[in-house]
Amino acid sequence: MKQTDHISKIKRMRTWANWNMGIGIVVMYLGYAFFAGYLGSFLERSYLFMTLMLVLGFVMMMISTVLFMISGMVSTTSPQVKCPSCGKVTKMLGKEDACMFCGQPLFLSDEERPHQRG
């Protein structure tokens, strides 16, 4: 079973962007569904509500696009290290991060590594 305690910073940013994109699309569809009367007659033919929902969904999708762009630019300049657990090459942000594949905590230098018990 995959460990979910540690997630790579780049992977976490991409996950947030992906969820934001999906929620933005759902918000826009809900705005249209209420406008068309599919989900009740309370907000049927409410141009203001539909416009608000479409703009909100569009803004959420633009934010996710910016997050994807930032994660891509950061990914090109981040150092690559080999994970000691799975042996795959992964990218790190900062001095400590997690492996993108197995979630193993990684550190760039040994002198800053916290003491482990056990």
Protein backbone atom coordinates (compact mmCIF):
# COMPACT_ATOMS: atom_id res chain seq x y z
CA MET A 1 0.00 0.00 0.00
CA LYS A 2 1.32 3.45 -0.92
CA GLN A 3 2.33 5.71 1.93
CA THR A 4 0.41 9.01 1.89
CA ASP A 5 2.05 10.67 4.90
CA HIS A 6 4.67 12.40 2.76
CA ILE A 7 3.81 13.90 -0.62
CA SER A 8 6.24 15.73 -2.87
CA LYS A 9 5.80 19.51 -2.96
CA ILE A 10 5.54 19.56 -6.76
CA LYS A 11 3.03 16.72 -6.70
CA ARG A 12 1.01 18.50 -3.99
CA MET A 13 0.89 21.69 -6.12
CA ARG A 14 -0.26 19.75 -9.18
CA THR A 15 -2.91 17.96 -7.11
CA TRP A 16 -4.30 21.29 -5.87
CA ALA A 17 -4.37 22.62 -9.44
CA ASN A 18 -6.13 19.49 -10.70
CA TRP A 19 -8.80 19.64 -7.98
CA ASN A 20 -9.27 23.36 -8.60
CA MET A 21 -9.79 22.70 -12.32
CA GLY A 22 -12.39 19.99 -11.66
CA ILE A 23 -14.27 22.05 -9.09
CA GLY A 24 -14.30 25.04 -11.46
CA ILE A 25 -15.89 22.94 -14.21
CA VAL A 26 -18.49 21.56 -11.77
CA VAL A 27 -19.33 25.09 -10.54
CA MET A 28 -19.92 26.25 -14.12
CA TYR A 29 -22.12 23.24 -14.92
CA LEU A 30 -24.12 23.79 -11.72
CA GLY A 31 -24.69 27.42 -12.71
CA TYR A 32 -26.09 26.34 -16.06
CA ALA A 33 -28.14 23.48 -14.57
CA PHE A 34 -29.84 25.83 -12.11
CA PHE A 35 -30.42 28.38 -14.91
CA ALA A 36 -32.01 25.77 -17.18
CA GLY A 37 -34.25 24.47 -14.39
CA TYR A 38 -32.73 20.97 -14.17
CA LEU A 39 -32.07 21.26 -10.43
CA GLY A 40 -35.22 23.07 -9.32
CA SER A 41 -37.23 26.08 -10.25
CA PHE A 42 -35.91 28.40 -7.51
CA LEU A 43 -33.06 29.85 -9.60
CA GLU A 44 -34.51 29.11 -13.03
CA ARG A 45 -33.82 31.89 -15.55
CA SER A 46 -31.67 33.79 -13.05
CA TYR A 47 -29.08 35.46 -15.26
CA LEU A 48 -27.28 36.97 -12.30
CA PHE A 49 -26.75 33.59 -10.57
CA MET A 50 -25.65 31.88 -13.78
CA THR A 51 -23.21 34.70 -14.58
CA LEU A 52 -21.80 34.61 -11.06
CA MET A 53 -21.29 30.84 -11.22
CA LEU A 54 -19.70 30.98 -14.68
CA VAL A 55 -17.30 33.74 -13.64
CA LEU A 56 -16.43 31.93 -10.40
CA GLY A 57 -15.74 28.68 -12.28
CA PHE A 58 -13.68 30.52 -14.89
CA VAL A 59 -11.58 32.22 -12.20
CA MET A 60 -10.99 28.86 -10.50
CA MET A 61 -9.84 27.36 -13.80
CA MET A 62 -7.49 30.30 -14.44
CA ILE A 63 -6.00 29.91 -10.95
CA SER A 64 -5.38 26.23 -11.64
CA THR A 65 -3.76 27.11 -14.97
CA VAL A 66 -1.39 29.49 -13.15
CA LEU A 67 -0.63 26.77 -10.56
CA PHE A 68 0.18 24.28 -13.34
CA MET A 69 2.42 26.87 -15.00
CA ILE A 70 4.25 27.64 -11.75
CA SER A 71 4.75 23.96 -10.94
CA GLY A 72 6.15 23.39 -14.43
CA MET A 73 8.59 26.29 -14.18
CA VAL A 74 9.72 25.23 -10.69
CA SER A 75 10.10 21.64 -11.85
CA THR A 76 12.59 22.61 -14.55
CA THR A 77 15.00 24.27 -12.09
CA SER A 78 14.72 21.84 -9.16
CA PRO A 79 17.62 19.46 -8.42
CA GLN A 80 17.25 15.79 -9.20
CA VAL A 81 18.15 13.19 -6.57
CA LYS A 82 17.99 9.42 -6.49
CA CYS A 83 15.57 8.00 -3.93
CA PRO A 84 17.23 5.50 -1.56
CA SER A 85 14.02 3.46 -1.18
CA CYS A 86 12.73 2.97 -4.73
CA GLY A 87 15.87 3.91 -6.68
CA LYS A 88 14.03 6.29 -9.03
CA VAL A 89 15.21 9.81 -9.84
CA THR A 90 12.93 12.46 -8.32
CA LYS A 91 12.96 16.25 -8.09
CA MET A 92 13.22 18.19 -4.83
CA LEU A 93 12.03 21.63 -3.76
CA GLY A 94 13.89 23.09 -0.82
CA LYS A 95 16.21 21.27 1.55
CA GLU A 96 13.72 18.55 2.45
CA ASP A 97 10.98 17.00 0.38
CA ALA A 98 9.46 13.61 -0.33
CA CYS A 99 9.94 11.20 -3.22
CA MET A 100 7.34 11.65 -5.96
CA PHE A 101 6.97 7.91 -6.36
CA CYS A 102 7.17 6.26 -2.93
CA GLY A 103 6.81 9.16 -0.45
CA GLN A 104 10.19 8.57 1.24
CA PRO A 105 11.37 11.75 3.06
CA LEU A 106 14.48 13.12 1.35
CA PHE A 107 17.09 15.63 2.54
CA LEU A 108 19.70 17.48 0.47
CA SER A 109 22.48 17.57 3.09
CA ASP A 110 23.27 15.18 5.91
CA GLU A 111 24.32 17.83 8.44
CA GLU A 112 20.80 19.35 8.47
CA ARG A 113 19.04 16.01 8.74
CA PRO A 114 16.97 15.70 11.95
CA HIS A 115 17.90 12.97 14.42
CA GLN A 116 15.85 9.80 14.04
CA ARG A 117 15.00 7.51 16.91
CA GLY A 118 14.69 3.81 16.72
